[in-house]
């Protein structure tokens, strides 16, 4: 039950999901398309804890035209991570030098996520809701969805088939856990969720009716700030 790149509705061509990567330079990958995160300051990347725990010491990543060494990995202290669906699946990753040239994303701090449309971004596997995963080319793609449920730890949305869905309805697949769900507030995209896992009821990844679970960022704002301000 991993999460990853964008799998979209079957009646929309894949090219519709491709984005200009220069518009989203703060969406990074830790392992060349596998494992994602989002810069929330020049030094700090927000990601999933189950992704962060796989980062080796002194690991180097590429951001735009530069290389950066990871100095510190800080998973949420209550994350257990023994199985998919474990709560508190959120982590912060610190760079040894600041990525000053990259525009970062702010956090969504309100608790009005329910019913809002989210923009999902990721690299890796792509496909559609009828057949699931098709392949991977590590290009950055987008999808949208509507938040159906929220609770203390998650924002959740279902992969609905057309016509009862968004214009670019989609979910994650395999390979890009830690990628963001963004809410547009007054024309500004804010991080509302971090990709954690997908409930597909033992079917293939990314088929219609799958349920996505993203860690609910608004419930972790105080913890995120406490780490970043140390």
C-alpha atoms as a PDB file:
ATOM      1  CA  UNK A   1       0.000   0.000   0.000  1.00  0.00           C
ATOM      2  CA  UNK A   2       2.577   2.554  -1.078  1.00  0.00           C
ATOM      3  CA  UNK A   3       1.843   5.854  -2.750  1.00  0.00           C
ATOM      4  CA  UNK A   4       3.436   7.534  -5.726  1.00  0.00           C
ATOM      5  CA  UNK A   5       2.917   9.220  -9.061  1.00  0.00           C
ATOM      6  CA  UNK A   6      -0.262  10.297 -10.812  1.00  0.00           C
ATOM      7  CA  UNK A   7      -2.767   7.812 -12.158  1.00  0.00           C
ATOM      8  CA  UNK A   8      -5.628   9.688 -13.788  1.00  0.00           C
ATOM      9  CA  UNK A   9      -9.083   9.070 -15.246  1.00  0.00           C
ATOM     10  CA  UNK A  10      -9.030   6.865 -18.354  1.00  0.00           C
ATOM     11  CA  UNK A  11     -10.810   9.296 -20.680  1.00  0.00           C
ATOM     12  CA  UNK A  12      -8.162  12.026 -20.401  1.00  0.00           C
ATOM     13  CA  UNK A  13      -4.835  11.713 -22.281  1.00  0.00           C
ATOM     14  CA  UNK A  14      -1.715  11.326 -20.159  1.00  0.00           C
ATOM     15  CA  UNK A  15      -0.192  14.474 -21.679  1.00  0.00           C
ATOM     16  CA  UNK A  16      -2.843  16.475 -19.835  1.00  0.00           C
ATOM     17  CA  UNK A  17      -1.214  15.518 -16.548  1.00  0.00           C
ATOM     18  CA  UNK A  18       2.318  16.580 -17.481  1.00  0.00           C
ATOM     19  CA  UNK A  19       3.530  19.830 -15.931  1.00  0.00           C
ATOM     20  CA  UNK A  20       6.407  22.229 -16.485  1.00  0.00           C
ATOM     21  CA  UNK A  21       8.873  21.163 -13.803  1.00  0.00           C
ATOM     22  CA  UNK A  22      10.287  24.686 -13.604  1.00  0.00           C
ATOM     23  CA  UNK A  23       6.954  25.731 -12.075  1.00  0.00           C
ATOM     24  CA  UNK A  24       7.378  23.259  -9.212  1.00  0.00           C
ATOM     25  CA  UNK A  25      11.103  23.177  -8.447  1.00  0.00           C
ATOM     26  CA  UNK A  26      10.437  22.625  -4.754  1.00  0.00           C
ATOM     27  CA  UNK A  27       8.889  19.181  -5.418  1.00  0.00           C
ATOM     28  CA  UNK A  28      11.973  17.003  -5.003  1.00  0.00           C
ATOM     29  CA  UNK A  29      12.799  13.328  -5.302  1.00  0.00           C
ATOM     30  CA  UNK A  30      15.125  11.533  -2.910  1.00  0.00           C
ATOM     31  CA  UNK A  31      15.910   8.507  -5.075  1.00  0.00           C
ATOM     32  CA  UNK A  32      15.663   9.516  -8.746  1.00  0.00           C
ATOM     33  CA  UNK A  33      11.887   9.394  -8.987  1.00  0.00           C
ATOM     34  CA  UNK A  34      11.232   7.251  -5.928  1.00  0.00           C
ATOM     35  CA  UNK A  35      10.397   9.028  -2.675  1.00  0.00           C
ATOM     36  CA  UNK A  36       9.250  12.643  -2.775  1.00  0.00           C
ATOM     37  CA  UNK A  37       9.187  15.745  -0.624  1.00  0.00           C
ATOM     38  CA  UNK A  38       8.437  19.452  -0.754  1.00  0.00           C
ATOM     39  CA  UNK A  39      10.681  22.332   0.252  1.00  0.00           C
ATOM     40  CA  UNK A  40       8.946  24.442   2.900  1.00  0.00           C
ATOM     41  CA  UNK A  41      12.006  26.617   3.559  1.00  0.00           C
ATOM     42  CA  UNK A  42      15.484  26.874   1.998  1.00  0.00           C
ATOM     43  CA  UNK A  43      16.758  24.295   4.525  1.00  0.00           C
ATOM     44  CA  UNK A  44      13.768  22.007   5.189  1.00  0.00           C
ATOM     45  CA  UNK A  45      11.877  19.392   3.154  1.00  0.00           C
ATOM     46  CA  UNK A  46       8.498  18.000   4.266  1.00  0.00           C
ATOM     47  CA  UNK A  47       7.919  14.329   3.457  1.00  0.00           C
ATOM     48  CA  UNK A  48       6.472  11.073   4.816  1.00  0.00           C
ATOM     49  CA  UNK A  49       8.194   9.377   7.739  1.00  0.00           C
ATOM     50  CA  UNK A  50       8.204   5.993   6.004  1.00  0.00           C
ATOM     51  CA  UNK A  51      10.068   7.636   3.119  1.00  0.00           C
ATOM     52  CA  UNK A  52      12.503   9.553   5.299  1.00  0.00           C
ATOM     53  CA  UNK A  53      13.608   6.469   7.203  1.00  0.00           C
ATOM     54  CA  UNK A  54      15.109   5.075   3.963  1.00  0.00           C
ATOM     55  CA  UNK A  55      17.429   8.053   3.465  1.00  0.00           C
ATOM     56  CA  UNK A  56      21.056   7.053   4.173  1.00  0.00           C
ATOM     57  CA  UNK A  57      23.526   9.258   6.018  1.00  0.00           C
ATOM     58  CA  UNK A  58      25.038  12.071   3.946  1.00  0.00           C
ATOM     59  CA  UNK A  59      22.699  11.311   1.062  1.00  0.00           C
ATOM     60  CA  UNK A  60      22.848  13.802  -1.838  1.00  0.00           C
ATOM     61  CA  UNK A  61      19.869  14.999  -3.861  1.00  0.00           C
ATOM     62  CA  UNK A  62      19.463  17.290  -6.858  1.00  0.00           C
ATOM     63  CA  UNK A  63      17.342  20.427  -6.707  1.00  0.00           C
ATOM     64  CA  UNK A  64      17.146  22.395  -9.964  1.00  0.00           C
ATOM     65  CA  UNK A  65      20.770  22.753 -11.110  1.00  0.00           C
ATOM     66  CA  UNK A  66      22.451  22.045  -7.775  1.00  0.00           C
ATOM     67  CA  UNK A  67      23.316  19.128  -5.512  1.00  0.00           C
ATOM     68  CA  UNK A  68      22.565  19.206  -1.804  1.00  0.00           C
ATOM     69  CA  UNK A  69      23.641  16.940   1.021  1.00  0.00           C
ATOM     70  CA  UNK A  70      21.097  15.897   3.627  1.00  0.00           C
ATOM     71  CA  UNK A  71      22.245  16.855   7.098  1.00  0.00           C
ATOM     72  CA  UNK A  72      19.419  15.574   9.292  1.00  0.00           C
ATOM     73  CA  UNK A  73      16.284  13.422   9.115  1.00  0.00           C
ATOM     74  CA  UNK A  74      13.557  14.062  11.704  1.00  0.00           C
ATOM     75  CA  UNK A  75      10.581  11.663  11.632  1.00  0.00           C
ATOM     76  CA  UNK A  76       7.614  12.464  13.822  1.00  0.00           C
ATOM     77  CA  UNK A  77       8.428  11.036  17.268  1.00  0.00           C
ATOM     78  CA  UNK A  78       5.161   9.067  17.449  1.00  0.00           C
ATOM     79  CA  UNK A  79       5.511   7.333  14.079  1.00  0.00           C
ATOM     80  CA  UNK A  80       5.774   3.562  14.432  1.00  0.00           C
ATOM     81  CA  UNK A  81       5.825   2.528  10.799  1.00  0.00           C
ATOM     82  CA  UNK A  82       5.243  -1.167  11.213  1.00  0.00           C
ATOM     83  CA  UNK A  83       2.529  -1.294   8.546  1.00  0.00           C
ATOM     84  CA  UNK A  84       0.776   0.932   5.992  1.00  0.00           C
ATOM     85  CA  UNK A  85      -1.775   3.130   7.666  1.00  0.00           C
ATOM     86  CA  UNK A  86       0.263   3.853  10.777  1.00  0.00           C
ATOM     87  CA  UNK A  87      -0.503   7.397  11.880  1.00  0.00           C
ATOM     88  CA  UNK A  88       1.920  10.331  12.248  1.00  0.00           C
ATOM     89  CA  UNK A  89       3.506   9.448   8.894  1.00  0.00           C
ATOM     90  CA  UNK A  90       5.299  12.756   8.507  1.00  0.00           C
ATOM     91  CA  UNK A  91       8.934  13.840   8.644  1.00  0.00           C
ATOM     92  CA  UNK A  92      11.294  16.739   8.055  1.00  0.00           C
ATOM     93  CA  UNK A  93      14.595  16.526   6.208  1.00  0.00           C
ATOM     94  CA  UNK A  94      17.254  19.210   6.612  1.00  0.00           C
ATOM     95  CA  UNK A  95      19.752  20.221   3.942  1.00  0.00           C
ATOM     96  CA  UNK A  96      23.330  21.083   4.893  1.00  0.00           C
ATOM     97  CA  UNK A  97      23.150  24.254   2.775  1.00  0.00           C
ATOM     98  CA  UNK A  98      20.124  26.338   1.768  1.00  0.00           C
ATOM     99  CA  UNK A  99      18.367  26.006  -1.588  1.00  0.00           C
ATOM    100  CA  UNK A 100      17.901  29.761  -1.767  1.00  0.00           C
ATOM    101  CA  UNK A 101      17.027  29.869  -5.461  1.00  0.00           C
ATOM    102  CA  UNK A 102      13.883  27.739  -5.090  1.00  0.00           C
ATOM    103  CA  UNK A 103      10.433  29.132  -4.286  1.00  0.00           C
ATOM    104  CA  UNK A 104       9.119  27.141  -1.318  1.00  0.00           C
ATOM    105  CA  UNK A 105       5.571  26.184  -0.306  1.00  0.00           C
ATOM    106  CA  UNK A 106       3.810  27.334   2.849  1.00  0.00           C
ATOM    107  CA  UNK A 107       1.642  25.100   5.023  1.00  0.00           C
ATOM    108  CA  UNK A 108      -2.142  24.952   5.013  1.00  0.00           C
ATOM    109  CA  UNK A 109      -3.024  25.838   8.599  1.00  0.00           C
ATOM    110  CA  UNK A 110      -6.823  25.995   8.474  1.00  0.00           C
ATOM    111  CA  UNK A 111      -9.069  23.029   9.276  1.00  0.00           C
ATOM    112  CA  UNK A 112     -11.446  23.526   6.356  1.00  0.00           C
ATOM    113  CA  UNK A 113     -10.077  20.777   4.105  1.00  0.00           C
ATOM    114  CA  UNK A 114     -13.319  18.815   3.732  1.00  0.00           C
ATOM    115  CA  UNK A 115     -14.847  19.200   0.264  1.00  0.00           C
ATOM    116  CA  UNK A 116     -11.936  21.154  -1.153  1.00  0.00           C
ATOM    117  CA  UNK A 117     -10.156  20.258  -4.367  1.00  0.00           C
ATOM    118  CA  UNK A 118      -6.515  19.277  -4.051  1.00  0.00           C
ATOM    119  CA  UNK A 119      -3.726  19.392  -6.601  1.00  0.00           C
ATOM    120  CA  UNK A 120      -1.516  16.292  -6.432  1.00  0.00           C
ATOM    121  CA  UNK A 121       2.012  16.217  -7.839  1.00  0.00           C
ATOM    122  CA  UNK A 122       4.452  13.346  -8.267  1.00  0.00           C
ATOM    123  CA  UNK A 123       6.975  11.487 -10.424  1.00  0.00           C
ATOM    124  CA  UNK A 124       7.299   7.810 -11.236  1.00  0.00           C
ATOM    125  CA  UNK A 125       4.485   5.471 -12.201  1.00  0.00           C
ATOM    126  CA  UNK A 126       1.645   6.780 -14.322  1.00  0.00           C
ATOM    127  CA  UNK A 127      -1.520   5.167 -15.604  1.00  0.00           C
ATOM    128  CA  UNK A 128      -5.301   5.391 -15.500  1.00  0.00           C
ATOM    129  CA  UNK A 129      -8.212   4.242 -13.411  1.00  0.00           C
ATOM    130  CA  UNK A 130      -9.234   1.372 -15.682  1.00  0.00           C
ATOM    131  CA  UNK A 131      -5.916  -0.477 -15.797  1.00  0.00           C
ATOM    132  CA  UNK A 132      -3.833   1.066 -12.992  1.00  0.00           C
ATOM    133  CA  UNK A 133      -0.092   1.505 -13.553  1.00  0.00           C
ATOM    134  CA  UNK A 134       1.219   1.751 -17.124  1.00  0.00           C
ATOM    135  CA  UNK A 135       4.879   2.643 -16.616  1.00  0.00           C
ATOM    136  CA  UNK A 136       7.342   5.220 -15.353  1.00  0.00           C
ATOM    137  CA  UNK A 137       9.428   7.932 -16.977  1.00  0.00           C
ATOM    138  CA  UNK A 138      10.145  10.049 -13.851  1.00  0.00           C
ATOM    139  CA  UNK A 139       8.423  13.112 -15.296  1.00  0.00           C
ATOM    140  CA  UNK A 140       6.446  15.340 -12.960  1.00  0.00           C
ATOM    141  CA  UNK A 141       2.692  14.920 -13.311  1.00  0.00           C
ATOM    142  CA  UNK A 142      -0.407  16.365 -11.708  1.00  0.00           C
ATOM    143  CA  UNK A 143      -3.879  15.188 -10.812  1.00  0.00           C
ATOM    144  CA  UNK A 144      -6.798  16.569  -8.851  1.00  0.00           C
ATOM    145  CA  UNK A 145      -9.324  15.157  -6.423  1.00  0.00           C
ATOM    146  CA  UNK A 146     -11.879  16.225  -3.826  1.00  0.00           C
ATOM    147  CA  UNK A 147     -11.325  15.643  -0.124  1.00  0.00           C
ATOM    148  CA  UNK A 148     -14.117  13.306   1.007  1.00  0.00           C
ATOM    149  CA  UNK A 149     -13.176  12.823   4.659  1.00  0.00           C
ATOM    150  CA  UNK A 150     -10.891  14.261   7.313  1.00  0.00           C
ATOM    151  CA  UNK A 151     -10.005  13.089  10.805  1.00  0.00           C
ATOM    152  CA  UNK A 152      -7.312  13.791  13.382  1.00  0.00           C
ATOM    153  CA  UNK A 153      -4.559  12.357  11.199  1.00  0.00           C
ATOM    154  CA  UNK A 154      -5.685  12.048   7.576  1.00  0.00           C
ATOM    155  CA  UNK A 155      -7.248  13.748   4.630  1.00  0.00           C
ATOM    156  CA  UNK A 156      -8.900  11.135   2.419  1.00  0.00           C
ATOM    157  CA  UNK A 157     -10.227  11.045  -1.122  1.00  0.00           C
ATOM    158  CA  UNK A 158     -11.600   8.364  -3.439  1.00  0.00           C
ATOM    159  CA  UNK A 159     -10.667   7.793  -7.081  1.00  0.00           C
ATOM    160  CA  UNK A 160     -14.038   8.291  -8.748  1.00  0.00           C
ATOM    161  CA  UNK A 161     -14.777   7.274 -12.322  1.00  0.00           C
ATOM    162  CA  UNK A 162     -16.213   9.823 -14.773  1.00  0.00           C
ATOM    163  CA  UNK A 163     -18.512  11.618 -14.939  1.00  0.00           C
ATOM    164  CA  UNK A 164     -18.701  12.016 -11.146  1.00  0.00           C
ATOM    165  CA  UNK A 165     -15.192  13.336 -10.669  1.00  0.00           C
ATOM    166  CA  UNK A 166     -12.878  16.301 -11.193  1.00  0.00           C
ATOM    167  CA  UNK A 167     -11.608  17.232 -14.660  1.00  0.00           C
ATOM    168  CA  UNK A 168      -8.223  15.601 -13.979  1.00  0.00           C
ATOM    169  CA  UNK A 169      -9.303  13.104 -11.311  1.00  0.00           C
ATOM    170  CA  UNK A 170      -6.475  10.955 -10.057  1.00  0.00           C
ATOM    171  CA  UNK A 171      -4.576   9.298  -7.235  1.00  0.00           C
ATOM    172  CA  UNK A 172      -1.088   8.047  -6.462  1.00  0.00           C
ATOM    173  CA  UNK A 173       0.513   4.796  -7.559  1.00  0.00           C
ATOM    174  CA  UNK A 174       3.874   3.361  -6.474  1.00  0.00           C
ATOM    175  CA  UNK A 175       7.154   5.222  -5.907  1.00  0.00           C
ATOM    176  CA  UNK A 176       6.501   8.764  -4.729  1.00  0.00           C
ATOM    177  CA  UNK A 177       5.338   8.638  -1.138  1.00  0.00           C
ATOM    178  CA  UNK A 178       5.859  11.969   0.595  1.00  0.00           C
ATOM    179  CA  UNK A 179       4.541  14.033  -2.309  1.00  0.00           C
ATOM    180  CA  UNK A 180       2.140  16.912  -1.540  1.00  0.00           C
ATOM    181  CA  UNK A 181      -1.567  17.565  -1.783  1.00  0.00           C
ATOM    182  CA  UNK A 182      -1.997  21.297  -2.356  1.00  0.00           C
ATOM    183  CA  UNK A 183      -5.005  23.508  -1.638  1.00  0.00           C
ATOM    184  CA  UNK A 184      -5.455  26.821  -3.421  1.00  0.00           C
ATOM    185  CA  UNK A 185      -6.233  29.530  -0.884  1.00  0.00           C
ATOM    186  CA  UNK A 186      -6.732  33.030  -2.305  1.00  0.00           C
ATOM    187  CA  UNK A 187      -4.574  32.178  -5.311  1.00  0.00           C
ATOM    188  CA  UNK A 188      -1.729  30.602  -3.321  1.00  0.00           C
ATOM    189  CA  UNK A 189      -1.009  26.878  -3.234  1.00  0.00           C
ATOM    190  CA  UNK A 190      -0.483  25.537   0.296  1.00  0.00           C
ATOM    191  CA  UNK A 191       0.548  22.050   1.468  1.00  0.00           C
ATOM    192  CA  UNK A 192      -2.479  20.364   3.028  1.00  0.00           C
ATOM    193  CA  UNK A 193      -1.368  16.743   2.868  1.00  0.00           C
ATOM    194  CA  UNK A 194       1.612  14.401   2.547  1.00  0.00           C
ATOM    195  CA  UNK A 195       1.122  11.191   0.560  1.00  0.00           C
ATOM    196  CA  UNK A 196       1.167   8.175   2.887  1.00  0.00           C
ATOM    197  CA  UNK A 197      -0.777   5.144   1.626  1.00  0.00           C
ATOM    198  CA  UNK A 198      -3.564   3.878  -0.586  1.00  0.00           C
ATOM    199  CA  UNK A 199      -6.335   1.430   0.282  1.00  0.00           C
ATOM    200  CA  UNK A 200      -7.012  -0.510  -2.926  1.00  0.00           C
ATOM    201  CA  UNK A 201      -8.594  -3.584  -1.310  1.00  0.00           C
ATOM    202  CA  UNK A 202      -5.988  -5.985  -2.710  1.00  0.00           C
ATOM    203  CA  UNK A 203      -6.681  -4.846  -6.272  1.00  0.00           C
ATOM    204  CA  UNK A 204      -4.012  -3.308  -8.499  1.00  0.00           C
ATOM    205  CA  UNK A 205      -2.736   0.122  -7.532  1.00  0.00           C
ATOM    206  CA  UNK A 206      -4.578   3.111  -8.914  1.00  0.00           C
ATOM    207  CA  UNK A 207      -7.868   1.560 -10.007  1.00  0.00           C
ATOM    208  CA  UNK A 208     -11.168   3.392  -9.598  1.00  0.00           C
ATOM    209  CA  UNK A 209     -12.595   3.295  -6.053  1.00  0.00           C
ATOM    210  CA  UNK A 210      -9.146   3.280  -4.421  1.00  0.00           C
ATOM    211  CA  UNK A 211      -8.952   5.485  -1.330  1.00  0.00           C
ATOM    212  CA  UNK A 212      -5.975   7.775  -0.790  1.00  0.00           C
ATOM    213  CA  UNK A 213      -4.669   8.713   2.654  1.00  0.00           C
ATOM    214  CA  UNK A 214      -2.533  11.814   3.046  1.00  0.00           C
ATOM    215  CA  UNK A 215      -1.198  12.926   6.427  1.00  0.00           C
ATOM    216  CA  UNK A 216      -3.194  15.980   7.477  1.00  0.00           C
ATOM    217  CA  UNK A 217      -0.643  18.803   7.651  1.00  0.00           C
ATOM    218  CA  UNK A 218      -2.876  21.242   9.565  1.00  0.00           C
ATOM    219  CA  UNK A 219      -2.685  18.947  12.609  1.00  0.00           C
ATOM    220  CA  UNK A 220       1.123  18.969  12.584  1.00  0.00           C
ATOM    221  CA  UNK A 221       1.903  22.656  12.043  1.00  0.00           C
ATOM    222  CA  UNK A 222       3.113  23.213  15.617  1.00  0.00           C
ATOM    223  CA  UNK A 223       5.442  20.198  15.445  1.00  0.00           C
ATOM    224  CA  UNK A 224       6.801  21.251  12.036  1.00  0.00           C
ATOM    225  CA  UNK A 225       7.578  24.740  13.286  1.00  0.00           C
ATOM    226  CA  UNK A 226       9.194  23.466  16.463  1.00  0.00           C
ATOM    227  CA  UNK A 227      11.611  21.351  14.431  1.00  0.00           C
ATOM    228  CA  UNK A 228      12.398  23.982  11.809  1.00  0.00           C
ATOM    229  CA  UNK A 229      13.057  26.683  14.400  1.00  0.00           C
ATOM    230  CA  UNK A 230      15.656  24.711  16.352  1.00  0.00           C
END
